[in-house]
Amino acid sequence: MQRLLIIAGIALLVIGLAWPWMSKLPFGRLPGDIHVVREGFSFHFPIVTCIVISVVVSLLLWIFRR
């Protein structure tokens, strides 16, 4: 449990430090993401972004488990 908390803390620290550069990536604005804007209403569902992130995380977990 201690190792997991330390790794999670380091990961959050790295993500926090890299946030200015990560916000410039096109994630959340990929073709296929659903974005509906109406008068007084806005809906955004990044379906393609979710799929891409899921594939990348799955590949990384598969590589690290080998």
C-alpha atoms as a PDB file:
ATOM      1  CA  MET A   1       0.000   0.000   0.000  1.00  0.00           C
ATOM      2  CA  GLN A   2       2.847   2.382   0.761  1.00  0.00           C
ATOM      3  CA  ARG A   3       4.420   1.790  -2.640  1.00  0.00           C
ATOM      4  CA  LEU A   4       1.093   2.474  -4.365  1.00  0.00           C
ATOM      5  CA  LEU A   5       0.625   5.768  -2.511  1.00  0.00           C
ATOM      6  CA  ILE A   6       4.175   6.883  -3.298  1.00  0.00           C
ATOM      7  CA  ILE A   7       3.761   6.046  -6.999  1.00  0.00           C
ATOM      8  CA  ALA A   8       0.379   7.815  -7.111  1.00  0.00           C
ATOM      9  CA  GLY A   9       1.888  10.898  -5.464  1.00  0.00           C
ATOM     10  CA  ILE A  10       4.802  11.003  -7.882  1.00  0.00           C
ATOM     11  CA  ALA A  11       2.423  10.550 -10.835  1.00  0.00           C
ATOM     12  CA  LEU A  12       0.249  13.437  -9.629  1.00  0.00           C
ATOM     13  CA  LEU A  13       3.339  15.601  -9.165  1.00  0.00           C
ATOM     14  CA  VAL A  14       4.576  14.852 -12.694  1.00  0.00           C
ATOM     15  CA  ILE A  15       1.140  15.523 -14.185  1.00  0.00           C
ATOM     16  CA  GLY A  16       0.881  18.779 -12.258  1.00  0.00           C
ATOM     17  CA  LEU A  17       4.274  19.953 -13.455  1.00  0.00           C
ATOM     18  CA  ALA A  18       3.553  18.935 -17.057  1.00  0.00           C
ATOM     19  CA  TRP A  19       0.053  20.496 -17.138  1.00  0.00           C
ATOM     20  CA  PRO A  20       1.051  23.662 -19.087  1.00  0.00           C
ATOM     21  CA  TRP A  21       2.397  21.491 -21.917  1.00  0.00           C
ATOM     22  CA  MET A  22      -0.345  18.868 -21.680  1.00  0.00           C
ATOM     23  CA  SER A  23      -3.077  21.479 -22.093  1.00  0.00           C
ATOM     24  CA  LYS A  24      -1.695  22.310 -25.557  1.00  0.00           C
ATOM     25  CA  LEU A  25      -2.238  18.726 -26.778  1.00  0.00           C
ATOM     26  CA  PRO A  26      -5.324  18.208 -28.937  1.00  0.00           C
ATOM     27  CA  PHE A  27      -6.959  15.764 -26.501  1.00  0.00           C
ATOM     28  CA  GLY A  28     -10.577  16.725 -26.013  1.00  0.00           C
ATOM     29  CA  ARG A  29     -10.665  18.331 -29.448  1.00  0.00           C
ATOM     30  CA  LEU A  30     -10.078  15.304 -31.661  1.00  0.00           C
ATOM     31  CA  PRO A  31     -12.234  14.609 -34.725  1.00  0.00           C
ATOM     32  CA  GLY A  32     -15.153  12.484 -33.588  1.00  0.00           C
ATOM     33  CA  ASP A  33     -15.543  14.136 -30.193  1.00  0.00           C
ATOM     34  CA  ILE A  34     -19.138  15.215 -29.694  1.00  0.00           C
ATOM     35  CA  HIS A  35     -19.702  18.910 -29.050  1.00  0.00           C
ATOM     36  CA  VAL A  36     -23.190  20.418 -29.156  1.00  0.00           C
ATOM     37  CA  VAL A  37     -23.768  24.131 -28.556  1.00  0.00           C
ATOM     38  CA  ARG A  38     -27.293  25.523 -28.370  1.00  0.00           C
ATOM     39  CA  GLU A  39     -28.701  28.679 -26.913  1.00  0.00           C
ATOM     40  CA  GLY A  40     -28.199  28.422 -23.156  1.00  0.00           C
ATOM     41  CA  PHE A  41     -26.801  24.870 -23.428  1.00  0.00           C
ATOM     42  CA  SER A  42     -23.435  23.322 -24.160  1.00  0.00           C
ATOM     43  CA  PHE A  43     -22.605  19.610 -24.171  1.00  0.00           C
ATOM     44  CA  HIS A  44     -19.165  18.117 -24.773  1.00  0.00           C
ATOM     45  CA  PHE A  45     -18.397  14.380 -24.764  1.00  0.00           C
ATOM     46  CA  PRO A  46     -14.844  13.464 -25.865  1.00  0.00           C
ATOM     47  CA  ILE A  47     -15.591   9.897 -27.036  1.00  0.00           C
ATOM     48  CA  VAL A  48     -12.589   9.572 -29.380  1.00  0.00           C
ATOM     49  CA  THR A  49     -10.268  11.044 -26.756  1.00  0.00           C
ATOM     50  CA  CYS A  50     -11.526   8.474 -24.232  1.00  0.00           C
ATOM     51  CA  ILE A  51     -10.887   5.635 -26.688  1.00  0.00           C
ATOM     52  CA  VAL A  52      -7.353   6.864 -27.489  1.00  0.00           C
ATOM     53  CA  ILE A  53      -6.453   7.231 -23.811  1.00  0.00           C
ATOM     54  CA  SER A  54      -7.905   3.780 -23.059  1.00  0.00           C
ATOM     55  CA  VAL A  55      -5.847   2.150 -25.804  1.00  0.00           C
ATOM     56  CA  VAL A  56      -2.639   3.884 -24.677  1.00  0.00           C
ATOM     57  CA  VAL A  57      -3.155   2.949 -21.014  1.00  0.00           C
ATOM     58  CA  SER A  58      -4.010  -0.647 -21.972  1.00  0.00           C
ATOM     59  CA  LEU A  59      -0.843  -0.929 -24.058  1.00  0.00           C
ATOM     60  CA  LEU A  60       1.297   0.525 -21.268  1.00  0.00           C
ATOM     61  CA  LEU A  61      -0.170  -1.883 -18.709  1.00  0.00           C
ATOM     62  CA  TRP A  62       0.324  -4.802 -21.088  1.00  0.00           C
ATOM     63  CA  ILE A  63       3.974  -3.822 -21.640  1.00  0.00           C
ATOM     64  CA  PHE A  64       4.709  -3.368 -17.910  1.00  0.00           C
ATOM     65  CA  ARG A  65       3.101  -6.693 -16.944  1.00  0.00           C
ATOM     66  CA  ARG A  66       5.357  -8.672 -19.287  1.00  0.00           C
END
